[in-house]
Amino acid sequence: MATLGKSGVSVGYYDTEEAAARAYDRAAIGLLGRDSAGISTNFALADYDAEAVPQLIGKTREEVKATLKSERAKARPCPNPIPNSMRPNQGGALALRRR
């Protein structure tokens, strides 16, 4: 999981360090703007010239979180991290199943 700055806003969980670093970069660009003197990215800003970067300047923390969540969903659907044998049964309790 990568977090952004002092706010601790999560940019999500990613399969690779590179994917997490790029998600962080896009969020930093969106929050600070490409021309910000204080921006620090993992990769060159030119790498993101052709990409749609979400505009996050002026948004509340909750709006930023919602935007980043929708960006993650568009990028690649996340597989269900809970195996079928650990999913809640209809009563809401976890039920372990033998294989």
N, C-alpha and C. Protein backbone atom coordinates (compact mmCIF):
# COMPACT_ATOMS: atom_id res chain seq x y z
N MET A 1 0.86 -1.17 0.00
CA MET A 1 0.00 0.00 0.00
C MET A 1 0.90 1.23 0.00
N ALA A 2 0.53 2.19 -0.79
CA ALA A 2 1.26 3.45 -0.82
C ALA A 2 0.37 4.55 -0.27
N THR A 3 0.94 5.44 0.52
CA THR A 3 0.18 6.57 1.04
C THR A 3 0.80 7.86 0.54
N LEU A 4 -0.02 8.90 0.51
CA LEU A 4 0.42 10.16 -0.06
C LEU A 4 0.58 11.22 1.01
N GLY A 5 1.82 11.63 1.23
CA GLY A 5 2.12 12.76 2.10
C GLY A 5 1.65 12.62 3.53
N LYS A 6 1.56 13.75 4.21
CA LYS A 6 1.16 13.78 5.61
C LYS A 6 -0.31 13.41 5.80
N SER A 7 -1.09 13.55 4.74
CA SER A 7 -2.53 13.27 4.87
C SER A 7 -2.80 11.80 5.09
N GLY A 8 -1.88 10.94 4.64
CA GLY A 8 -2.07 9.51 4.81
C GLY A 8 -3.16 8.95 3.92
N VAL A 9 -3.52 9.66 2.86
CA VAL A 9 -4.52 9.16 1.93
C VAL A 9 -3.91 8.01 1.16
N SER A 10 -4.55 6.86 1.20
CA SER A 10 -4.05 5.68 0.52
C SER A 10 -4.33 5.76 -0.97
N VAL A 11 -3.31 5.43 -1.75
CA VAL A 11 -3.53 5.33 -3.19
C VAL A 11 -3.84 3.88 -3.57
N GLY A 12 -3.85 3.00 -2.59
CA GLY A 12 -4.32 1.63 -2.82
C GLY A 12 -3.24 0.58 -2.72
N TYR A 13 -3.68 -0.65 -2.91
CA TYR A 13 -2.81 -1.81 -2.93
C TYR A 13 -2.55 -2.19 -4.37
N TYR A 14 -1.31 -2.54 -4.67
CA TYR A 14 -0.93 -2.87 -6.04
C TYR A 14 -0.08 -4.13 -6.04
N ASP A 15 -0.08 -4.80 -7.18
CA ASP A 15 0.65 -6.06 -7.31
C ASP A 15 2.16 -5.87 -7.30
N THR A 16 2.63 -4.72 -7.78
CA THR A 16 4.07 -4.48 -7.87
C THR A 16 4.42 -3.13 -7.25
N GLU A 17 5.68 -2.99 -6.89
CA GLU A 17 6.16 -1.71 -6.37
C GLU A 17 6.04 -0.62 -7.44
N GLU A 18 6.32 -0.98 -8.68
CA GLU A 18 6.24 0.01 -9.76
C GLU A 18 4.82 0.53 -9.93
N ALA A 19 3.85 -0.36 -9.89
CA ALA A 19 2.45 0.07 -10.02
C ALA A 19 2.06 1.00 -8.88
N ALA A 20 2.50 0.69 -7.66
CA ALA A 20 2.21 1.55 -6.51
C ALA A 20 2.90 2.90 -6.65
N ALA A 21 4.15 2.89 -7.12
CA ALA A 21 4.90 4.13 -7.30
C ALA A 21 4.24 5.01 -8.36
N ARG A 22 3.76 4.41 -9.43
CA ARG A 22 3.10 5.19 -10.49
C ARG A 22 1.76 5.74 -10.01
N ALA A 23 1.03 4.97 -9.21
CA ALA A 23 -0.23 5.47 -8.64
C ALA A 23 0.05 6.66 -7.71
N TYR A 24 1.11 6.56 -6.92
CA TYR A 24 1.51 7.66 -6.05
C TYR A 24 1.82 8.90 -6.89
N ASP A 25 2.60 8.71 -7.96
CA ASP A 25 2.98 9.83 -8.83
C ASP A 25 1.75 10.53 -9.40
N ARG A 26 0.80 9.74 -9.92
CA ARG A 26 -0.42 10.34 -10.50
C ARG A 26 -1.20 11.12 -9.45
N ALA A 27 -1.27 10.58 -8.24
CA ALA A 27 -1.99 11.28 -7.17
C ALA A 27 -1.25 12.56 -6.77
N ALA A 28 0.08 12.51 -6.69
CA ALA A 28 0.86 13.69 -6.34
C ALA A 28 0.69 14.78 -7.40
N ILE A 29 0.71 14.40 -8.66
CA ILE A 29 0.51 15.37 -9.75
C ILE A 29 -0.88 15.97 -9.64
N GLY A 30 -1.87 15.12 -9.36
CA GLY A 30 -3.25 15.60 -9.24
C GLY A 30 -3.45 16.54 -8.07
N LEU A 31 -2.76 16.28 -6.96
CA LEU A 31 -2.91 17.12 -5.76
C LEU A 31 -2.10 18.41 -5.83
N LEU A 32 -0.89 18.33 -6.38
CA LEU A 32 0.01 19.48 -6.36
C LEU A 32 0.10 20.23 -7.69
N GLY A 33 -0.23 19.55 -8.79
CA GLY A 33 -0.09 20.16 -10.11
C GLY A 33 1.28 19.86 -10.69
N ARG A 34 1.35 19.77 -11.99
CA ARG A 34 2.62 19.44 -12.67
C ARG A 34 3.70 20.49 -12.44
N ASP A 35 3.31 21.74 -12.26
CA ASP A 35 4.27 22.83 -12.16
C ASP A 35 4.67 23.18 -10.74
N SER A 36 4.23 22.41 -9.77
CA SER A 36 4.53 22.68 -8.37
C SER A 36 6.02 22.50 -8.10
N ALA A 37 6.59 23.46 -7.39
CA ALA A 37 8.01 23.37 -7.05
C ALA A 37 8.28 22.25 -6.05
N GLY A 38 7.29 21.92 -5.23
CA GLY A 38 7.48 20.91 -4.19
C GLY A 38 7.15 19.50 -4.60
N ILE A 39 6.84 19.26 -5.87
CA ILE A 39 6.44 17.91 -6.28
C ILE A 39 7.66 16.99 -6.38
N SER A 40 7.52 15.81 -5.85
CA SER A 40 8.56 14.80 -5.92
C SER A 40 7.91 13.50 -6.38
N THR A 41 8.33 13.03 -7.54
CA THR A 41 7.74 11.81 -8.10
C THR A 41 8.82 10.73 -8.24
N ASN A 42 8.35 9.51 -8.37
CA ASN A 42 9.26 8.38 -8.52
C ASN A 42 9.81 8.28 -9.94
N PHE A 43 9.03 8.70 -10.90
CA PHE A 43 9.40 8.65 -12.31
C PHE A 43 9.32 10.05 -12.88
N ALA A 44 9.91 10.26 -14.04
CA ALA A 44 9.93 11.57 -14.67
C ALA A 44 8.50 12.05 -14.96
N LEU A 45 8.25 13.34 -14.75
CA LEU A 45 6.92 13.90 -15.02
C LEU A 45 6.50 13.68 -16.46
N ALA A 46 7.46 13.66 -17.37
CA ALA A 46 7.15 13.46 -18.79
C ALA A 46 6.49 12.09 -19.04
N ASP A 47 6.73 11.13 -18.15
CA ASP A 47 6.10 9.81 -18.28
C ASP A 47 4.58 9.90 -18.21
N TYR A 48 4.07 10.98 -17.62
CA TYR A 48 2.63 11.10 -17.39
C TYR A 48 1.96 12.11 -18.32
N ASP A 49 2.71 12.61 -19.29
CA ASP A 49 2.15 13.60 -20.23
C ASP A 49 0.97 13.06 -21.02
N ALA A 50 1.03 11.80 -21.41
CA ALA A 50 -0.03 11.22 -22.24
C ALA A 50 -1.15 10.60 -21.40
N GLU A 51 -0.99 10.57 -20.09
CA GLU A 51 -1.99 9.94 -19.22
C GLU A 51 -2.98 10.95 -18.66
N ALA A 52 -4.17 10.47 -18.44
CA ALA A 52 -5.17 11.30 -17.76
C ALA A 52 -4.89 11.22 -16.26
N VAL A 53 -4.52 12.34 -15.68
CA VAL A 53 -4.23 12.41 -14.25
C VAL A 53 -5.41 13.08 -13.57
N PRO A 54 -5.96 12.48 -12.51
CA PRO A 54 -7.13 13.07 -11.85
C PRO A 54 -6.80 14.44 -11.24
N GLN A 55 -7.70 15.38 -11.41
CA GLN A 55 -7.53 16.70 -10.80
C GLN A 55 -8.02 16.64 -9.36
N LEU A 56 -7.11 16.82 -8.41
CA LEU A 56 -7.43 16.69 -7.00
C LEU A 56 -7.26 18.01 -6.24
N ILE A 57 -6.74 19.01 -6.91
CA ILE A 57 -6.50 20.31 -6.27
C ILE A 57 -7.84 20.89 -5.82
N GLY A 58 -7.90 21.30 -4.57
CA GLY A 58 -9.10 21.94 -4.04
C GLY A 58 -10.18 20.98 -3.56
N LYS A 59 -9.95 19.68 -3.69
CA LYS A 59 -10.94 18.71 -3.21
C LYS A 59 -10.73 18.43 -1.74
N THR A 60 -11.81 18.03 -1.08
CA THR A 60 -11.70 17.63 0.32
C THR A 60 -11.02 16.27 0.40
N ARG A 61 -10.61 15.90 1.60
CA ARG A 61 -9.97 14.60 1.81
C ARG A 61 -10.89 13.47 1.34
N GLU A 62 -12.17 13.56 1.67
CA GLU A 62 -13.12 12.52 1.27
C GLU A 62 -13.28 12.47 -0.25
N GLU A 63 -13.29 13.62 -0.89
CA GLU A 63 -13.38 13.65 -2.36
C GLU A 63 -12.13 13.06 -3.00
N VAL A 64 -10.97 13.35 -2.42
CA VAL A 64 -9.72 12.78 -2.92
C VAL A 64 -9.76 11.27 -2.79
N LYS A 65 -10.17 10.76 -1.63
CA LYS A 65 -10.25 9.32 -1.42
C LYS A 65 -11.20 8.67 -2.42
N ALA A 66 -12.36 9.28 -2.67
CA ALA A 66 -13.32 8.72 -3.61
C ALA A 66 -12.77 8.73 -5.04
N THR A 67 -12.09 9.80 -5.40
CA THR A 67 -11.51 9.88 -6.75
C THR A 67 -10.44 8.82 -6.94
N LEU A 68 -9.55 8.67 -5.95
CA LEU A 68 -8.50 7.67 -6.06
C LEU A 68 -9.08 6.26 -6.11
N LYS A 69 -10.14 6.03 -5.36
CA LYS A 69 -10.79 4.71 -5.39
C LYS A 69 -11.35 4.43 -6.77
N SER A 70 -11.98 5.41 -7.39
CA SER A 70 -12.53 5.19 -8.73
C SER A 70 -11.41 5.01 -9.76
N GLU A 71 -10.28 5.68 -9.56
CA GLU A 71 -9.14 5.50 -10.46
C GLU A 71 -8.61 4.08 -10.36
N ARG A 72 -8.53 3.54 -9.14
CA ARG A 72 -8.08 2.15 -8.97
C ARG A 72 -9.03 1.19 -9.66
N ALA A 73 -10.33 1.44 -9.54
CA ALA A 73 -11.33 0.55 -10.15
C ALA A 73 -11.22 0.57 -11.67
N LYS A 74 -10.94 1.74 -12.23
CA LYS A 74 -10.80 1.84 -13.69
C LYS A 74 -9.53 1.17 -14.18
N ALA A 75 -8.49 1.24 -13.37
CA ALA A 75 -7.20 0.70 -13.79
C ALA A 75 -7.24 -0.81 -13.96
N ARG A 76 -7.74 -1.50 -12.96
CA ARG A 76 -7.81 -2.96 -13.02
C ARG A 76 -8.63 -3.45 -11.85
N PRO A 77 -9.66 -4.22 -12.13
CA PRO A 77 -10.44 -4.75 -11.02
C PRO A 77 -9.57 -5.62 -10.13
N CYS A 78 -9.73 -5.48 -8.86
CA CYS A 78 -8.96 -6.23 -7.87
C CYS A 78 -9.63 -7.59 -7.63
N PRO A 79 -8.86 -8.69 -7.65
CA PRO A 79 -9.47 -9.98 -7.33
C PRO A 79 -9.92 -10.00 -5.87
N ASN A 80 -10.89 -10.83 -5.58
CA ASN A 80 -11.39 -10.92 -4.22
C ASN A 80 -10.30 -11.50 -3.33
N PRO A 81 -9.85 -10.75 -2.30
CA PRO A 81 -8.75 -11.24 -1.46
C PRO A 81 -9.17 -12.33 -0.48
N ILE A 82 -10.45 -12.57 -0.31
CA ILE A 82 -10.93 -13.57 0.63
C ILE A 82 -11.23 -14.86 -0.13
N PRO A 83 -10.53 -15.95 0.18
CA PRO A 83 -10.82 -17.20 -0.52
C PRO A 83 -12.24 -17.68 -0.23
N ASN A 84 -12.80 -18.43 -1.15
CA ASN A 84 -14.17 -18.92 -1.00
C ASN A 84 -14.38 -19.65 0.32
N SER A 85 -13.37 -20.37 0.78
CA SER A 85 -13.52 -21.13 2.02
C SER A 85 -13.61 -20.23 3.24
N MET A 86 -13.29 -18.93 3.12
CA MET A 86 -13.31 -18.01 4.25
C MET A 86 -14.43 -16.97 4.14
N ARG A 87 -15.25 -17.04 3.10
CA ARG A 87 -16.31 -16.05 2.94
C ARG A 87 -17.40 -16.24 3.97
N PRO A 88 -18.06 -15.15 4.39
CA PRO A 88 -19.14 -15.28 5.37
C PRO A 88 -20.28 -16.13 4.82
N ASN A 89 -20.90 -16.93 5.70
CA ASN A 89 -22.09 -17.67 5.28
C ASN A 89 -23.28 -16.73 5.34
N GLN A 90 -24.45 -17.22 5.07
CA GLN A 90 -25.63 -16.35 5.01
C GLN A 90 -25.95 -15.69 6.34
N GLY A 91 -25.52 -16.27 7.44
CA GLY A 91 -25.76 -15.69 8.75
C GLY A 91 -24.76 -14.61 9.12
N GLY A 92 -23.75 -14.41 8.28
CA GLY A 92 -22.78 -13.38 8.52
C GLY A 92 -21.51 -13.87 9.21
N ALA A 93 -21.50 -15.07 9.74
CA ALA A 93 -20.32 -15.59 10.42
C ALA A 93 -19.41 -16.27 9.39
N LEU A 94 -18.13 -16.31 9.71
CA LEU A 94 -17.20 -17.00 8.81
C LEU A 94 -17.41 -18.49 8.95
N ALA A 95 -17.45 -19.15 7.82
CA ALA A 95 -17.61 -20.60 7.81
C ALA A 95 -16.44 -21.21 7.06
N LEU A 96 -15.68 -22.07 7.72
CA LEU A 96 -14.59 -22.76 7.06
C LEU A 96 -15.14 -24.00 6.39
N ARG A 97 -14.75 -24.21 5.17
CA ARG A 97 -15.21 -25.37 4.41
C ARG A 97 -14.05 -26.28 4.11
N ARG A 98 -14.29 -27.57 4.21
CA ARG A 98 -13.26 -28.53 3.86
C ARG A 98 -13.22 -28.67 2.37
N ARG A 99 -12.02 -28.91 1.89
CA ARG A 99 -11.86 -29.09 0.43
C ARG A 99 -11.81 -30.54 0.07
